[in-house]
């Protein structure tokens, strides 16, 4: 299962959806596309707005500058992941440990 852990200015996406084998899993591909596109867009607008670390089965995003554009991009990313989680409840879960913006 993919878990999306949300806390104050930090998002961690980890795990494997187990919908299909590695390389053939449409849930993992969807989540990866959503996260990667959002990170690239945020950095395109403001190269100092976020930093990230990509590891095997784990992607960590830290929001450094929560300007309006960055907030909208990250909130949109989370909304897309939530929609994916609604459709594939057994494969992706959103966990809000605390609010993203304090």
Protein backbone atom coordinates (compact mmCIF):
# COMPACT_ATOMS: atom_id res chain seq x y z
CA UNK A 1 0.00 0.00 0.00
CA UNK A 2 1.16 3.52 -0.78
CA UNK A 3 0.96 5.78 2.26
CA UNK A 4 0.97 9.56 1.98
CA UNK A 5 1.96 11.02 5.36
CA UNK A 6 1.18 14.72 5.73
CA UNK A 7 2.54 16.87 8.53
CA UNK A 8 3.56 20.49 8.97
CA UNK A 9 5.18 21.44 5.63
CA UNK A 10 6.28 17.85 4.97
CA UNK A 11 4.83 15.15 2.76
CA UNK A 12 6.18 11.60 2.60
CA UNK A 13 4.92 9.23 -0.09
CA UNK A 14 6.10 5.68 0.55
CA UNK A 15 5.41 2.08 -0.26
CA UNK A 16 4.10 0.15 -3.23
CA UNK A 17 0.44 -0.04 -4.21
CA UNK A 18 0.55 -3.82 -4.81
CA UNK A 19 -2.05 -3.44 -7.54
CA UNK A 20 0.34 -5.16 -9.96
CA UNK A 21 4.01 -6.09 -10.24
CA UNK A 22 6.73 -3.43 -10.12
CA UNK A 23 6.89 -1.63 -13.45
CA UNK A 24 3.30 -2.56 -14.33
CA UNK A 25 1.38 -0.99 -11.44
CA UNK A 26 -0.97 1.75 -12.68
CA UNK A 27 -1.56 3.08 -9.14
CA UNK A 28 2.17 3.53 -8.51
CA UNK A 29 2.58 5.09 -11.95
CA UNK A 30 -0.30 7.50 -11.28
CA UNK A 31 1.01 8.50 -7.85
CA UNK A 32 4.53 8.95 -9.23
CA UNK A 33 3.29 11.10 -12.10
CA UNK A 34 1.22 13.29 -9.77
CA UNK A 35 4.08 13.82 -7.32
CA UNK A 36 6.84 14.30 -9.91
CA UNK A 37 4.81 16.75 -12.00
CA UNK A 38 3.86 18.76 -8.92
CA UNK A 39 7.43 18.93 -7.62
CA UNK A 40 8.76 19.97 -11.03
CA UNK A 41 6.10 22.67 -11.36
CA UNK A 42 6.75 24.09 -7.89
CA UNK A 43 10.49 24.23 -8.60
CA UNK A 44 9.90 25.82 -12.01
CA UNK A 45 8.03 28.73 -10.38
CA UNK A 46 10.36 29.04 -7.40
CA UNK A 47 13.51 26.94 -7.23
CA UNK A 48 13.72 27.50 -3.47
CA UNK A 49 10.08 26.76 -2.61
CA UNK A 50 10.61 23.08 -1.78
CA UNK A 51 13.27 20.47 -1.46
CA UNK A 52 12.83 16.77 -1.96
CA UNK A 53 14.55 13.45 -1.54
CA UNK A 54 13.79 10.48 -3.75
CA UNK A 55 14.59 6.98 -2.52
CA UNK A 56 13.39 3.52 -3.51
CA UNK A 57 9.69 3.39 -2.61
CA UNK A 58 9.91 6.72 -0.75
CA UNK A 59 9.62 10.35 -1.82
CA UNK A 60 9.90 13.15 0.76
CA UNK A 61 8.87 16.74 0.07
CA UNK A 62 9.69 19.60 2.44
CA UNK A 63 7.98 22.92 1.80
CA UNK A 64 10.50 25.69 2.44
CA UNK A 65 8.59 28.74 1.19
CA UNK A 66 4.83 28.52 1.39
CA UNK A 67 4.03 31.27 -1.08
CA UNK A 68 0.64 31.26 -2.79
CA UNK A 69 1.78 29.40 -5.93
CA UNK A 70 3.56 26.70 -3.97
CA UNK A 71 0.53 26.23 -1.72
CA UNK A 72 -1.78 25.84 -4.72
CA UNK A 73 0.53 23.35 -6.42
CA UNK A 74 0.96 21.22 -3.28
CA UNK A 75 -2.74 21.37 -2.41
CA UNK A 76 -3.61 20.32 -5.96
CA UNK A 77 -1.15 17.42 -5.70
CA UNK A 78 -2.78 16.27 -2.45
CA UNK A 79 -6.28 16.57 -3.94
CA UNK A 80 -5.24 14.39 -6.89
CA UNK A 81 -3.72 11.79 -4.53
CA UNK A 82 -6.91 11.87 -2.43
CA UNK A 83 -9.00 11.19 -5.55
CA UNK A 84 -6.73 8.26 -6.39
CA UNK A 85 -7.13 6.98 -2.82
CA UNK A 86 -10.93 7.19 -3.06
CA UNK A 87 -10.91 4.99 -6.14
CA UNK A 88 -8.25 2.54 -4.94
CA UNK A 89 -8.85 2.30 -1.18
CA UNK A 90 -6.83 -0.92 -0.82
CA UNK A 91 -3.80 0.53 -2.58
CA UNK A 92 -3.25 4.09 -1.37
CA UNK A 93 -3.98 5.80 1.94
CA UNK A 94 -3.68 9.46 2.98
CA UNK A 95 -2.59 10.03 6.58
CA UNK A 96 -2.82 13.55 8.00
CA UNK A 97 -0.73 13.64 11.14
CA UNK A 98 -1.19 17.39 11.36
CA UNK A 99 -2.21 20.23 9.08
CA UNK A 100 0.17 20.96 6.24
CA UNK A 101 0.03 24.72 6.77
CA UNK A 102 0.30 26.10 10.28
